[in-house]
N, C-alpha and C. Protein backbone atom coordinates (compact mmCIF):
# COMPACT_ATOMS: atom_id res chain seq x y z
N MET A 1 1.03 -1.03 0.07
CA MET A 1 -0.44 -0.28 0.25
C MET A 1 1.09 1.17 0.27
N ALA A 2 0.59 2.17 -0.69
CA ALA A 2 1.33 2.96 -1.19
C ALA A 2 1.10 3.90 -0.18
N PHE A 3 1.99 5.29 0.05
CA PHE A 3 1.31 5.95 0.66
C PHE A 3 2.42 7.44 0.51
N THR A 4 1.77 8.54 0.91
CA THR A 4 2.56 10.35 0.61
C THR A 4 1.98 10.48 2.03
N MET A 5 3.94 11.22 2.70
CA MET A 5 3.91 11.74 3.48
C MET A 5 4.15 13.79 3.32
N ASN A 6 3.88 14.41 4.00
CA ASN A 6 3.67 15.34 3.66
C ASN A 6 4.43 16.48 4.89
N LEU A 7 5.91 16.77 4.63
CA LEU A 7 6.02 17.31 5.93
C LEU A 7 6.28 18.93 5.51
N TYR A 8 5.85 19.73 6.60
CA TYR A 8 6.08 21.34 6.62
C TYR A 8 7.42 21.23 7.13
N TYR A 9 8.21 21.92 6.83
CA TYR A 9 9.53 22.83 7.60
C TYR A 9 9.08 24.32 7.62
N THR A 10 9.31 24.94 8.66
CA THR A 10 9.71 26.36 9.04
C THR A 10 10.55 27.11 9.52
N GLY A 11 10.88 28.19 9.53
CA GLY A 11 12.33 28.48 9.60
C GLY A 11 11.68 29.98 9.97
N GLU A 12 13.05 30.78 9.68
CA GLU A 12 12.13 32.53 9.90
C GLU A 12 13.76 33.04 8.93
N ASN A 13 13.25 33.88 8.33
CA ASN A 13 14.57 34.66 7.06
C ASN A 13 14.82 33.51 6.13
N GLY A 14 13.75 32.54 5.66
CA GLY A 14 14.01 32.06 4.34
C GLY A 14 14.87 30.79 4.33
N ALA A 15 15.55 30.19 5.97
CA ALA A 15 15.71 29.45 6.26
C ALA A 15 15.13 27.73 5.40
N ALA A 16 13.89 27.63 4.97
CA ALA A 16 13.14 26.85 5.31
C ALA A 16 13.37 26.60 3.61
N ARG A 17 13.58 27.85 2.55
CA ARG A 17 13.91 27.60 1.32
C ARG A 17 15.66 27.76 1.47
N LYS A 18 16.47 27.75 1.66
CA LYS A 18 17.98 26.99 1.85
C LYS A 18 18.00 25.97 2.35
N PHE A 19 17.04 25.76 3.52
CA PHE A 19 17.56 24.52 3.45
C PHE A 19 17.31 22.88 1.95
N ALA A 20 16.09 23.18 1.46
CA ALA A 20 15.20 22.90 0.51
C ALA A 20 16.44 22.77 -0.94
N GLU A 21 16.95 23.83 -0.97
CA GLU A 21 17.52 24.32 -1.94
C GLU A 21 19.45 23.89 -1.65
N GLU A 22 19.31 23.34 0.10
CA GLU A 22 20.95 22.62 0.00
C GLU A 22 20.41 21.23 -0.23
N MET A 23 19.30 20.87 -0.23
CA MET A 23 19.02 19.21 -0.03
C MET A 23 19.02 18.97 -1.56
N GLU A 24 18.85 20.41 -2.45
CA GLU A 24 19.11 19.59 -3.69
C GLU A 24 20.61 19.57 -4.07
N SER A 25 20.76 20.65 -4.25
CA SER A 25 22.27 21.80 -4.59
C SER A 25 23.59 20.58 -3.87
N SER A 26 23.08 19.46 -2.50
CA SER A 26 24.06 18.67 -2.34
C SER A 26 23.89 17.17 -2.78
N GLY A 27 22.86 17.10 -3.73
CA GLY A 27 22.85 15.65 -4.21
C GLY A 27 21.23 14.88 -3.14
N THR A 28 21.57 15.83 -2.24
CA THR A 28 20.70 14.29 -0.73
C THR A 28 19.51 13.99 -1.84
N ALA A 29 18.98 14.92 -2.17
CA ALA A 29 16.74 14.79 -2.80
C ALA A 29 17.89 13.67 -3.74
N ASP A 30 18.66 13.93 -4.70
CA ASP A 30 18.55 13.15 -5.69
C ASP A 30 18.46 11.46 -5.23
N ALA A 31 19.50 11.21 -3.89
CA ALA A 31 19.96 10.21 -3.24
C ALA A 31 18.51 9.49 -3.07
N ILE A 32 17.79 10.37 -2.17
CA ILE A 32 16.34 9.71 -1.68
C ILE A 32 15.62 9.06 -3.06
N ARG A 33 15.24 10.12 -3.70
CA ARG A 33 14.62 9.57 -4.88
C ARG A 33 15.02 8.71 -5.86
N SER A 34 16.53 7.88 -5.61
CA SER A 34 16.44 6.79 -6.30
C SER A 34 16.69 5.39 -5.31
N ARG A 35 16.74 6.17 -4.43
CA ARG A 35 16.02 5.10 -3.26
C ARG A 35 15.01 4.12 -3.99
N GLU A 36 15.20 2.79 -3.44
CA GLU A 36 14.13 1.81 -4.10
C GLU A 36 12.69 2.11 -3.47
N GLY A 37 11.53 1.93 -3.78
CA GLY A 37 10.48 2.20 -3.15
C GLY A 37 10.06 3.63 -3.30
N ASN A 38 10.94 4.59 -3.53
CA ASN A 38 10.25 5.79 -3.22
C ASN A 38 9.55 6.19 -4.97
N LEU A 39 8.63 6.79 -4.30
CA LEU A 39 7.93 7.52 -5.61
C LEU A 39 7.52 8.71 -6.44
N ALA A 40 8.15 9.68 -4.70
CA ALA A 40 8.14 11.12 -5.49
C ALA A 40 8.58 11.77 -3.70
N TYR A 41 9.59 12.92 -4.50
CA TYR A 41 10.35 13.50 -2.86
C TYR A 41 10.28 14.85 -3.89
N ARG A 42 9.49 15.72 -3.80
CA ARG A 42 9.51 17.01 -3.96
C ARG A 42 9.25 18.35 -3.46
N TYR A 43 10.26 19.11 -3.35
CA TYR A 43 10.20 20.16 -2.63
C TYR A 43 8.51 21.51 -3.25
N PHE A 44 8.12 22.08 -2.66
CA PHE A 44 7.01 22.90 -2.70
C PHE A 44 7.29 24.34 -1.60
N GLN A 45 6.88 25.65 -2.35
CA GLN A 45 7.05 26.45 -0.75
C GLN A 45 5.33 27.48 -1.07
N PRO A 46 4.38 27.53 -0.32
CA PRO A 46 3.28 27.52 -0.30
C PRO A 46 3.17 29.05 -0.48
N LEU A 47 2.13 29.51 -1.31
CA LEU A 47 2.38 31.11 -1.57
C LEU A 47 1.49 31.80 -0.32
N ASP A 48 0.93 31.43 0.80
CA ASP A 48 0.74 31.70 1.41
C ASP A 48 1.55 31.98 2.84
N ASP A 49 2.28 31.37 2.27
CA ASP A 49 4.12 31.30 3.72
C ASP A 49 4.90 31.45 3.22
N PRO A 50 6.20 32.01 3.14
CA PRO A 50 6.78 32.37 3.02
C PRO A 50 8.06 30.98 3.62
N GLU A 51 7.82 31.00 4.40
CA GLU A 51 8.41 30.73 5.76
C GLU A 51 8.40 29.51 5.32
N THR A 52 7.91 28.61 5.24
CA THR A 52 7.68 27.45 4.93
C THR A 52 7.40 26.39 3.20
N VAL A 53 8.43 25.19 3.92
CA VAL A 53 8.77 24.75 2.88
C VAL A 53 8.39 23.29 2.93
N LEU A 54 6.66 22.88 1.97
CA LEU A 54 6.17 21.36 2.10
C LEU A 54 7.38 20.57 0.82
N LEU A 55 7.23 19.15 1.92
CA LEU A 55 7.99 18.31 0.71
C LEU A 55 7.13 17.27 0.73
N ILE A 56 6.67 16.80 -0.25
CA ILE A 56 5.69 15.48 -0.63
C ILE A 56 6.25 14.79 -0.60
N ASP A 57 6.83 13.43 -0.73
CA ASP A 57 7.39 12.55 -0.11
C ASP A 57 6.39 11.46 -0.09
N SER A 58 6.55 10.54 -0.97
CA SER A 58 6.14 9.19 -1.16
C SER A 58 6.69 7.93 -0.95
N TRP A 59 6.29 6.77 -0.80
CA TRP A 59 6.29 5.87 -0.68
C TRP A 59 5.75 4.56 -1.37
N ALA A 60 6.59 3.68 -1.79
CA ALA A 60 5.68 2.62 -2.25
C ALA A 60 4.68 1.31 -0.68
N ASN A 61 6.01 1.56 -0.09
CA ASN A 61 5.07 0.78 1.22
C ASN A 61 6.24 1.54 2.51
N GLN A 62 5.73 0.34 3.84
CA GLN A 62 6.14 1.10 4.52
C GLN A 62 7.81 0.66 4.88
N GLU A 63 8.15 -1.00 4.61
CA GLU A 63 9.04 -0.99 4.55
C GLU A 63 10.06 -0.17 3.72
N ALA A 64 10.01 0.25 2.78
CA ALA A 64 10.45 1.14 2.16
C ALA A 64 11.65 2.06 2.83
N LEU A 65 9.82 3.09 4.01
CA LEU A 65 10.51 4.47 4.12
C LEU A 65 10.78 4.24 5.31
N ASP A 66 10.78 2.83 5.87
CA ASP A 66 11.73 2.38 7.06
C ASP A 66 13.23 2.35 6.88
N ALA A 67 13.66 1.81 5.29
CA ALA A 67 14.97 1.53 4.80
C ALA A 67 15.36 3.67 4.68
N HIS A 68 14.75 3.84 4.60
CA HIS A 68 15.14 5.37 4.22
C HIS A 68 15.31 5.90 5.40
N HIS A 69 14.72 5.60 6.71
CA HIS A 69 14.88 6.17 7.43
C HIS A 69 16.34 5.27 8.55
N ALA A 70 17.07 4.53 7.53
CA ALA A 70 17.65 3.77 8.86
C ALA A 70 19.56 4.21 8.00
N SER A 71 18.91 4.93 6.66
CA SER A 71 20.09 4.91 5.69
C SER A 71 20.74 6.73 5.98
N PRO A 72 21.86 6.87 5.67
CA PRO A 72 23.24 8.00 6.10
C PRO A 72 21.52 9.50 5.28
N ALA A 73 21.23 8.58 4.66
CA ALA A 73 20.49 10.50 4.77
C ALA A 73 19.90 10.97 5.54
N MET A 74 19.54 10.16 6.63
CA MET A 74 18.58 11.01 7.24
C MET A 74 19.44 11.49 8.78
N THR A 75 20.84 11.53 8.11
CA THR A 75 21.64 11.66 9.08
C THR A 75 21.86 13.41 9.14
N THR A 76 22.42 13.16 7.02
CA THR A 76 22.36 14.85 6.53
C THR A 76 21.31 15.62 7.20
N ILE A 77 19.75 14.77 6.62
CA ILE A 77 18.63 15.75 6.86
C ILE A 77 18.64 16.32 8.33
N ALA A 78 19.16 15.80 8.92
CA ALA A 78 19.06 15.99 10.92
C ALA A 78 19.59 17.37 10.46
N GLU A 79 20.56 17.59 10.33
CA GLU A 79 21.83 17.44 9.98
C GLU A 79 21.98 19.65 10.04
N LEU A 80 21.10 19.15 8.44
CA LEU A 80 20.55 20.50 7.70
C LEU A 80 19.42 21.58 8.55
N ARG A 81 17.87 20.23 9.31
CA ARG A 81 17.09 20.62 10.08
C ARG A 81 18.21 21.55 11.25
N ASP A 82 18.80 21.10 11.73
CA ASP A 82 19.58 21.78 12.64
C ASP A 82 20.07 23.27 12.26
N LYS A 83 21.00 22.81 11.24
CA LYS A 83 21.12 23.86 10.28
C LYS A 83 20.62 25.13 10.36
N TYR A 84 19.73 24.95 9.80
CA TYR A 84 18.52 25.66 9.65
C TYR A 84 17.76 26.21 10.85
N ASN A 85 17.90 25.72 12.08
CA ASN A 85 16.98 25.91 12.77
C ASN A 85 15.62 25.77 12.58
N LEU A 86 14.96 24.32 11.81
CA LEU A 86 13.55 24.81 11.29
C LEU A 86 12.76 23.10 11.88
N HIS A 87 11.26 23.26 12.23
CA HIS A 87 9.92 23.46 13.26
C HIS A 87 9.67 22.23 11.89
N MET A 88 8.71 21.30 12.39
CA MET A 88 8.31 20.42 11.65
C MET A 88 7.20 20.31 11.65
N ARG A 89 6.21 19.41 11.21
CA ARG A 89 4.77 18.76 11.18
C ARG A 89 4.75 17.90 10.35
N ALA A 90 4.00 17.00 9.90
CA ALA A 90 4.00 15.49 9.56
C ALA A 90 2.46 15.35 8.91
N GLU A 91 2.01 15.19 8.28
CA GLU A 91 0.63 14.54 7.70
C GLU A 91 0.66 12.84 6.97
N ARG A 92 0.43 12.35 6.91
CA ARG A 92 0.44 10.94 5.91
C ARG A 92 -1.01 11.06 5.75
N TYR A 93 -0.99 10.56 4.01
CA TYR A 93 -2.02 9.71 3.78
C TYR A 93 -1.72 8.41 2.47
N ILE A 94 -2.62 7.47 2.94
CA ILE A 94 -2.65 6.38 2.22
C ILE A 94 -3.33 6.41 0.37
N SER A 95 -2.78 5.41 0.16
CA SER A 95 -2.76 6.00 -1.02
C SER A 95 -4.47 4.87 -2.35
N ASP A 96 -5.10 5.63 -2.11
CA ASP A 96 -6.72 5.45 -2.90
C ASP A 96 -6.17 3.60 -3.77
N GLU A 97 -5.98 2.34 -3.50
CA GLU A 97 -5.58 1.69 -4.67
C GLU A 97 -6.24 1.55 -5.74
N GLU A 98 -8.07 1.78 -5.09
CA GLU A 98 -9.05 2.00 -6.63
C GLU A 98 -8.71 3.06 -7.14
N GLY A 99 -7.98 3.94 -7.13
CA GLY A 99 -7.82 5.33 -7.89
C GLY A 99 -9.00 6.35 -7.75
N VAL A 100 -8.74 7.66 -8.73
CA VAL A 100 -9.70 8.44 -8.63
C VAL A 100 -11.06 7.63 -9.07
N PRO A 101 -12.42 7.90 -7.88
CA PRO A 101 -13.41 7.47 -8.53
C PRO A 101 -14.59 7.69 -9.99
N ALA A 102 -14.84 7.57 -10.30
CA ALA A 102 -15.72 8.06 -11.32
C ALA A 102 -15.91 9.32 -11.62
N LYS A 103 -16.74 9.47 -9.80
CA LYS A 103 -17.93 10.76 -9.96
C LYS A 103 -16.58 12.04 -9.64
N ASP A 104 -16.17 11.69 -9.24
CA ASP A 104 -14.73 12.91 -8.95
C ASP A 104 -13.40 12.94 -10.10
N ALA A 105 -13.51 12.06 -11.36
CA ALA A 105 -12.65 12.57 -12.75
C ALA A 105 -13.72 12.70 -13.36
N ALA A 106 -15.03 13.20 -13.32
CA ALA A 106 -15.41 14.63 -13.65
C ALA A 106 -15.60 15.53 -13.89
N PHE A 107 -14.21 16.37 -12.23
CA PHE A 107 -13.86 16.78 -12.16
C PHE A 107 -12.43 17.24 -12.80
N MET A 108 -11.38 16.61 -13.18
CA MET A 108 -10.19 15.88 -13.49
C MET A 108 -9.91 16.79 -14.88
N ARG A 109 -8.59 17.25 -15.20
CA ARG A 109 -8.05 17.87 -16.34
C ARG A 109 -7.34 17.46 -16.94
N GLU A 110 -7.16 16.66 -17.83
CA GLU A 110 -5.54 16.41 -17.92
C GLU A 110 -4.33 16.79 -18.56
C-alpha cells in the first residue's frame, strides 16, 4: 500500500527554502529519489507562507520508508534541519488503490 507524507518545514528569514535548496544542490534529494520504493520526493513553497517549505514524499510501502529512515541520508537531513533551525509537522496519506472514483474524475482535467 503506497502512501504519501506531507512534511512542512518552517523557519525564519528564508531558512526553510535554504534547507530545500541545499538538499537539492548537495545531491541528497536525488539520492533519496533513487532509493528503492521512493515514488516522489519534491519540495514546494506555499504562496501564503514564505517561511514554510512543503516536502511531498511518497513511498511504495512502509518497508521502503523504514529503509530510508535507516539510511545515511537521515543523518544529513537532521544536520541540515539543525543548521537551519527548522521545525516540522507531518501529515500521512494512504493512497487509494482503486484510483480516482468516476464521480471525482469528472472534475479532473488531464
